[in-house]
Amino acid sequence: MKTLHLRLTSAAISTDPALLEAAEILRRGGLVAFPTETVYGLGANALDARAVEKIFAAKQRPHWDPVIVHVADVAGARRLTLAWPEAAERLAEAFWPGPLTMLLPRNSQIPDVCTAGREKAGLRLPSHPVAMALIAAAGVPVAAPSANRFGHTSPTTAGHVLSDLEGRIDAILDAGACEVGVESTVIDPTADPPIIYRPGGITPEQIRHVLGRVVVAERKLAEHQTAEDTPPESLESPGLGIRHYAPRARLVLVESLGELNRVLEREARDHQVGVLLPREWSVTGLHVTALPWGSWSEPKSLARDLYLQLRALDDRGVDVIVCPMPPAGDGIALAIRDRLRKAAK
């Protein structure tokens, strides 16, 4: 299969020839990678089970891991549900379009393959103008996990997508780098209290301001448990409980500058080592590949560049990547720490 690299050439996004071609591919049952504000997604017609099956084949993704369904507007989300609770309405008013996925009871339009057979589907209205225009032009909801091989570092540029999926998908719609850099927050607003299963671009603080009490779920697998023997019913949303977001290199996490220097000294004796460095930290006297990684005082910059720089160090051929953990908190740092922990399993 030849993967078409479609680039937008017009300021009028909704009528751009590249976007219209991508929409036609989706209608025909093909696969199109496209940008969202979080990461690039790999899209298929969510109402066509055979089309969605192609996502799992291209990504080598196990069928127990559900995919998120992207819609063009709130009305489109409501049409796919059996119930639309008040909490969902309040969240949609506050955060849609945006990086928030809601788990809601699905109706029969959404095939089992999208949800791994579970009764709730993850629904999201993205805010990226290209994603919104593509879904609208296709005229169907779009199932779209991240556009990378299963378990690998998520893609935030078209180049990242092609490095993983070229020749495995029909097309990529290229609109530059993604802004947020980590995946959407996943919440079940039907629970009492609502449960955040995956922290992301919308923080618990923001959600509490709208809903009041919410809880953040924590799931840990035993060390011997693997993706292959994890039962489908145990995973309520994408990206839970198993190794995800991982670079090719072994990832080592540290919590302090002192620990960083000790780990770098140890690992550099036998390995080619890369390190992500926040602006406030520095290392000297060691033969390591150091890449800048935003600032502790600007956690959004850390989120935006996390996958970008992990992939850049992989491209440099390092064996080990050492990465500081941002200070614990309830904002976007929570999402960054979540992704790093899963990547380092």
Protein backbone atom coordinates (compact mmCIF):
# COMPACT_ATOMS: atom_id res chain seq x y z
CA MET A 1 0.00 0.00 0.00
CA LYS A 2 1.26 3.47 -0.87
CA THR A 3 0.51 6.06 1.80
CA LEU A 4 -0.59 9.38 0.33
CA HIS A 5 1.00 12.41 1.99
CA LEU A 6 -1.72 15.05 1.72
CA ARG A 7 -0.73 18.64 2.54
CA LEU A 8 -3.15 21.49 3.01
CA THR A 9 -2.54 24.24 0.47
CA SER A 10 -5.49 26.58 1.02
CA ALA A 11 -6.48 28.94 3.81
CA ALA A 12 -10.05 27.71 3.30
CA ILE A 13 -9.57 24.43 5.18
CA SER A 14 -13.05 23.01 4.60
CA THR A 15 -12.69 23.15 0.80
CA ASP A 16 -8.99 22.32 0.55
CA PRO A 17 -8.45 19.54 -2.05
CA ALA A 18 -6.26 17.55 0.35
CA LEU A 19 -8.90 17.59 3.08
CA LEU A 20 -11.68 16.65 0.65
CA GLU A 21 -9.59 13.73 -0.65
CA ALA A 22 -8.97 12.55 2.93
CA ALA A 23 -12.71 12.76 3.68
CA GLU A 24 -13.50 10.66 0.61
CA ILE A 25 -10.98 8.00 1.72
CA LEU A 26 -12.75 7.80 5.08
CA ARG A 27 -16.15 7.44 3.41
CA ARG A 28 -14.78 4.60 1.26
CA GLY A 29 -13.65 2.69 4.38
CA GLY A 30 -9.98 3.68 4.27
CA LEU A 31 -7.56 4.87 6.95
CA VAL A 32 -6.42 8.49 7.27
CA ALA A 33 -4.02 9.88 9.86
CA PHE A 34 -4.90 13.44 10.81
CA PRO A 35 -3.89 16.07 13.36
CA THR A 36 -5.82 16.83 16.51
CA GLU A 37 -4.84 19.37 19.15
CA THR A 38 -3.40 16.50 21.26
CA VAL A 39 -1.62 14.03 18.94
CA TYR A 40 -2.11 12.70 15.41
CA GLY A 41 -4.98 10.20 15.22
CA LEU A 42 -5.49 7.27 12.86
CA GLY A 43 -9.03 7.63 11.60
CA ALA A 44 -11.66 5.32 10.12
CA ASN A 45 -15.43 5.53 9.72
CA ALA A 46 -16.58 4.66 13.25
CA LEU A 47 -19.87 3.21 11.99
CA ASP A 48 -18.14 0.74 9.65
CA ALA A 49 -16.81 -2.23 11.64
CA ARG A 50 -14.66 -3.43 8.75
CA ALA A 51 -13.02 -0.01 8.44
CA VAL A 52 -12.32 0.14 12.18
CA GLU A 53 -10.80 -3.37 12.03
CA LYS A 54 -8.18 -1.91 9.68
CA ILE A 55 -7.01 0.42 12.46
CA PHE A 56 -6.21 -2.57 14.67
CA ALA A 57 -4.34 -4.29 11.84
CA ALA A 58 -2.31 -1.21 10.88
CA LYS A 59 -1.34 -0.40 14.47
CA GLN A 60 -0.95 -4.06 15.53
CA ARG A 61 -3.32 -3.09 18.34
CA PRO A 62 -5.04 -5.78 20.44
CA HIS A 63 -8.82 -5.81 20.17
CA TRP A 64 -9.34 -5.49 23.92
CA ASP A 65 -8.09 -1.88 23.75
CA PRO A 66 -11.00 0.44 22.83
CA VAL A 67 -10.75 3.40 20.46
CA ILE A 68 -12.18 6.89 20.82
CA VAL A 69 -14.94 8.09 18.48
CA HIS A 70 -14.51 11.68 17.26
CA VAL A 71 -17.56 13.73 16.30
CA ALA A 72 -18.14 16.98 14.42
CA ASP A 73 -20.48 18.57 16.99
CA VAL A 74 -22.29 17.95 20.27
CA ALA A 75 -25.46 16.89 18.47
CA GLY A 76 -23.47 14.19 16.71
CA ALA A 77 -22.29 12.85 20.06
CA ARG A 78 -25.82 12.78 21.46
CA ARG A 79 -27.02 10.79 18.45
CA LEU A 80 -24.57 8.01 19.33
CA THR A 81 -25.65 7.62 22.97
CA LEU A 82 -28.46 5.94 24.89
CA ALA A 83 -28.25 8.55 27.64
CA TRP A 84 -26.86 12.06 27.89
CA PRO A 85 -26.59 12.94 31.62
CA GLU A 86 -26.49 16.45 33.00
CA ALA A 87 -22.81 16.03 33.85
CA ALA A 88 -22.05 15.29 30.19
CA GLU A 89 -23.90 18.43 29.13
CA ARG A 90 -21.93 20.55 31.58
CA LEU A 91 -18.63 19.06 30.48
CA ALA A 92 -19.48 19.56 26.80
CA GLU A 93 -20.40 23.20 27.43
CA ALA A 94 -17.15 23.80 29.29
CA PHE A 95 -14.59 21.79 27.32
CA TRP A 96 -15.88 20.88 23.86
CA PRO A 97 -14.39 21.33 21.36
CA GLY A 98 -11.24 20.26 23.23
CA PRO A 99 -9.07 17.47 24.64
CA LEU A 100 -11.75 15.72 26.71
CA THR A 101 -13.19 12.25 26.04
CA MET A 102 -16.42 11.19 27.77
CA LEU A 103 -17.38 7.55 28.35
CA LEU A 104 -21.12 7.31 27.69
CA PRO A 105 -23.64 4.52 27.03
CA ARG A 106 -23.52 3.85 23.30
CA ASN A 107 -26.36 2.97 21.00
CA SER A 108 -26.30 0.29 18.32
CA GLN A 109 -24.75 2.57 15.69
CA ILE A 110 -21.31 2.15 17.27
CA PRO A 111 -19.97 -1.35 16.54
CA ASP A 112 -18.48 -3.56 19.25
CA VAL A 113 -15.00 -3.28 17.75
CA CYS A 114 -14.82 0.38 18.81
CA THR A 115 -15.47 -0.40 22.47
CA ALA A 116 -14.02 -3.92 22.86
CA GLY A 117 -17.61 -5.01 23.44
CA ARG A 118 -18.22 -2.71 26.39
CA GLU A 119 -21.42 -0.73 26.74
CA LYS A 120 -19.78 2.69 26.94
CA ALA A 121 -18.01 4.47 24.10
CA GLY A 122 -15.40 7.19 24.39
CA LEU A 123 -16.70 10.28 22.57
CA ARG A 124 -14.68 13.39 21.79
CA LEU A 125 -15.14 16.63 19.86
CA PRO A 126 -11.61 17.79 18.93
CA SER A 127 -10.74 21.47 18.68
CA HIS A 128 -8.12 21.29 15.93
CA PRO A 129 -9.65 23.09 12.92
CA VAL A 130 -8.37 20.46 10.48
CA ALA A 131 -9.80 17.59 12.53
CA MET A 132 -13.15 19.37 12.85
CA ALA A 133 -13.29 20.11 9.13
CA LEU A 134 -12.29 16.56 8.18
CA ILE A 135 -14.98 14.93 10.33
CA ALA A 136 -17.60 17.32 9.01
CA ALA A 137 -16.56 16.74 5.40
CA ALA A 138 -16.54 12.96 5.84
CA GLY A 139 -20.07 13.12 7.22
CA VAL A 140 -19.44 10.25 9.67
CA PRO A 141 -18.04 9.97 13.19
CA VAL A 142 -14.36 8.98 13.08
CA ALA A 143 -12.80 6.30 15.27
CA ALA A 144 -9.22 7.36 15.93
CA PRO A 145 -6.59 6.16 18.38
CA SER A 146 -3.11 7.67 18.13
CA ALA A 147 -1.46 7.13 14.73
CA ASN A 148 1.48 4.96 15.79
CA ARG A 149 2.34 1.30 16.27
CA PHE A 150 0.68 -0.04 19.40
CA GLY A 151 2.56 0.85 22.58
CA HIS A 152 5.00 3.20 20.87
CA THR A 153 5.50 6.89 21.54
CA SER A 154 2.51 8.86 20.27
CA PRO A 155 3.02 11.03 17.15
CA THR A 156 2.82 14.82 17.23
CA THR A 157 4.01 15.43 13.65
CA ALA A 158 3.29 13.88 10.27
CA GLY A 159 6.87 12.61 10.16
CA HIS A 160 6.28 10.64 13.34
CA VAL A 161 3.24 8.98 11.78
CA LEU A 162 5.09 8.03 8.61
CA SER A 163 7.99 6.53 10.57
CA ASP A 164 5.55 4.07 12.17
CA LEU A 165 2.81 3.56 9.59
CA GLU A 166 4.02 4.40 6.09
CA GLY A 167 2.77 1.72 3.73
CA ARG A 168 0.22 0.51 6.29
CA ILE A 169 -2.42 3.27 5.92
CA ASP A 170 -4.07 4.99 2.97
CA ALA A 171 -3.15 8.60 3.70
CA ILE A 172 -1.90 11.18 6.15
CA LEU A 173 -3.32 14.69 6.26
CA ASP A 174 -0.38 16.90 7.22
CA ALA A 175 -1.10 20.15 9.09
CA GLY A 176 2.06 20.61 11.14
CA ALA A 177 2.80 19.86 14.78
CA CYS A 178 0.16 19.29 17.47
CA GLU A 179 -0.28 21.89 20.19
CA VAL A 180 -1.09 19.98 23.40
CA GLY A 181 1.24 17.02 22.91
CA VAL A 182 -0.42 14.48 25.25
CA GLU A 183 -3.67 12.62 24.70
CA SER A 184 -7.12 13.71 25.83
CA THR A 185 -8.45 13.33 29.35
CA VAL A 186 -10.86 10.37 29.61
CA ILE A 187 -13.72 10.70 32.10
CA ASP A 188 -16.84 8.72 32.93
CA PRO A 189 -19.44 11.37 33.84
CA THR A 190 -22.08 8.70 34.57
CA ALA A 191 -20.22 7.48 37.67
CA ASP A 192 -20.92 8.92 41.13
CA PRO A 193 -18.60 10.69 41.56
CA PRO A 194 -17.29 11.03 37.99
CA ILE A 195 -14.06 9.09 37.38
CA ILE A 196 -11.05 10.29 35.39
CA TYR A 197 -9.50 7.17 33.88
CA ARG A 198 -6.76 8.94 31.92
CA PRO A 199 -5.40 12.39 32.82
CA GLY A 200 -4.71 14.57 29.82
CA GLY A 201 -5.19 17.97 28.24
CA ILE A 202 -8.07 18.94 30.55
CA THR A 203 -6.91 18.82 34.18
CA PRO A 204 -8.77 17.49 37.24
CA GLU A 205 -8.72 21.03 38.62
CA GLN A 206 -10.62 22.31 35.59
CA ILE A 207 -13.15 19.47 35.78
CA ARG A 208 -13.74 19.97 39.51
CA HIS A 209 -14.53 23.59 38.81
CA VAL A 210 -17.41 22.41 36.60
CA LEU A 211 -18.62 19.22 38.33
CA GLY A 212 -17.40 19.47 41.91
CA ARG A 213 -16.02 16.19 43.22
CA VAL A 214 -14.23 13.89 40.79
CA VAL A 215 -11.76 11.08 41.40
CA VAL A 216 -8.71 10.00 39.42
CA ALA A 217 -8.55 6.23 38.94
CA GLU A 218 -5.30 4.42 39.54
CA ARG A 219 -4.70 1.02 38.03
CA LYS A 220 -1.59 -1.05 38.58
CA LEU A 221 -0.86 -4.43 37.03
CA ALA A 222 1.23 -7.04 38.75
CA GLU A 223 4.78 -7.19 37.40
CA HIS A 224 4.13 -10.58 35.73
CA GLN A 225 0.93 -9.43 34.01
CA THR A 226 1.25 -8.53 30.34
CA ALA A 227 -0.83 -6.90 27.64
CA GLU A 228 -1.63 -10.32 26.17
CA ASP A 229 -3.26 -11.69 29.33
CA THR A 230 -5.10 -8.53 30.38
CA PRO A 231 -8.85 -9.21 30.12
CA PRO A 232 -10.80 -6.71 27.98
CA GLU A 233 -13.25 -5.82 30.72
CA SER A 234 -10.40 -4.58 32.90
CA LEU A 235 -9.60 -1.61 30.69
CA GLU A 236 -12.20 1.14 30.77
CA SER A 237 -10.36 3.49 28.42
CA PRO A 238 -7.39 3.56 26.03
CA GLY A 239 -3.91 3.70 27.53
CA LEU A 240 -4.68 2.07 30.88
CA GLY A 241 -2.52 -0.23 32.92
CA ILE A 242 0.02 -1.53 30.38
CA ARG A 243 3.17 -0.28 28.67
CA HIS A 244 2.21 2.60 26.40
CA TYR A 245 3.83 5.67 24.86
CA ALA A 246 7.25 3.96 25.00
CA PRO A 247 10.39 4.92 23.06
CA ARG A 248 12.61 2.18 21.62
CA ALA A 249 15.31 3.03 24.14
CA ARG A 250 14.98 1.94 27.77
CA LEU A 251 13.42 4.80 29.73
CA VAL A 252 14.68 5.63 33.24
CA LEU A 253 12.81 8.17 35.38
CA VAL A 254 14.33 10.39 38.06
CA GLU A 255 12.79 12.76 40.61
CA SER A 256 15.69 15.13 41.42
CA LEU A 257 18.79 16.72 39.90
CA GLY A 258 21.00 14.72 42.26
CA GLU A 259 19.38 11.47 41.18
CA LEU A 260 19.68 12.51 37.53
CA ASN A 261 23.45 12.96 37.79
CA ARG A 262 23.91 9.66 39.64
CA VAL A 263 21.86 7.74 37.07
CA LEU A 264 23.61 9.40 34.13
CA GLU A 265 27.02 8.55 35.54
CA ARG A 266 26.01 4.92 36.06
CA GLU A 267 24.31 4.40 32.70
CA ALA A 268 26.93 6.23 30.64
CA ARG A 269 29.57 3.67 31.62
CA ASP A 270 28.07 1.00 29.36
CA HIS A 271 25.42 2.67 27.20
CA GLN A 272 24.78 5.53 24.81
CA VAL A 273 22.60 7.77 26.95
CA GLY A 274 20.15 10.53 26.13
CA VAL A 275 18.53 12.89 28.59
CA LEU A 276 15.62 15.31 28.49
CA LEU A 277 16.61 18.47 30.34
CA PRO A 278 14.19 21.08 31.67
CA ARG A 279 15.52 24.61 31.36
CA GLU A 280 16.29 24.81 35.08
CA TRP A 281 18.63 21.78 35.11
CA SER A 282 22.04 21.11 33.54
CA VAL A 283 24.60 18.30 33.40
CA THR A 284 28.33 18.66 32.84
CA GLY A 285 31.31 16.39 32.47
CA LEU A 286 29.37 13.42 31.06
CA HIS A 287 29.27 12.10 27.50
CA VAL A 288 25.49 12.09 27.00
CA THR A 289 23.08 13.44 24.39
CA ALA A 290 21.05 16.16 26.11
CA LEU A 291 17.95 17.68 24.51
CA PRO A 292 16.06 20.68 25.91
CA TRP A 293 12.66 19.94 27.37
CA GLY A 294 10.68 23.06 28.29
CA SER A 295 10.53 24.51 31.78
CA TRP A 296 9.19 23.38 35.16
CA SER A 297 7.43 26.74 35.35
CA GLU A 298 5.70 26.12 32.00
CA PRO A 299 4.34 22.55 32.22
CA LYS A 300 2.39 22.95 28.98
CA SER A 301 5.74 23.21 27.18
CA LEU A 302 6.81 19.92 28.78
CA ALA A 303 3.64 18.22 27.55
CA ARG A 304 3.92 19.67 24.04
CA ASP A 305 7.53 18.50 23.57
CA LEU A 306 7.51 15.19 25.50
CA TYR A 307 6.86 12.78 22.62
CA LEU A 308 8.73 15.00 20.16
CA GLN A 309 11.95 14.80 22.17
CA LEU A 310 11.60 11.13 23.11
CA ARG A 311 11.36 10.33 19.41
CA ALA A 312 14.29 12.65 18.67
CA LEU A 313 16.50 10.73 21.12
CA ASP A 314 15.39 7.43 19.59
CA ASP A 315 16.43 8.83 16.22
CA ARG A 316 19.87 9.63 17.69
CA GLY A 317 20.30 5.93 18.43
CA VAL A 318 20.66 6.10 22.20
CA ASP A 319 20.23 2.92 24.26
CA VAL A 320 18.90 4.61 27.40
CA ILE A 321 16.83 7.76 27.90
CA VAL A 322 16.88 9.40 31.33
CA CYS A 323 13.94 11.71 31.97
CA PRO A 324 13.13 13.85 35.02
CA MET A 325 9.60 13.62 36.38
CA PRO A 326 7.88 17.01 36.68
CA PRO A 327 6.89 17.96 40.22
CA ALA A 328 3.73 16.15 41.29
CA GLY A 329 0.58 18.20 40.95
CA ASP A 330 -3.01 18.20 39.75
CA GLY A 331 -2.49 20.04 36.47
CA ILE A 332 -0.98 18.89 33.17
CA ALA A 333 1.98 17.51 35.16
CA LEU A 334 -0.34 14.69 36.26
CA ALA A 335 -0.78 13.65 32.62
CA ILE A 336 2.96 13.87 31.94
CA ARG A 337 3.80 11.70 34.96
CA ASP A 338 1.13 9.19 33.89
CA ARG A 339 2.59 8.87 30.38
CA LEU A 340 6.17 8.59 31.63
CA ARG A 341 5.31 5.87 34.16
CA LYS A 342 3.56 3.80 31.49
CA ALA A 343 6.42 4.34 29.02
CA ALA A 344 8.99 3.17 31.56
CA LYS A 345 7.22 -0.09 32.57
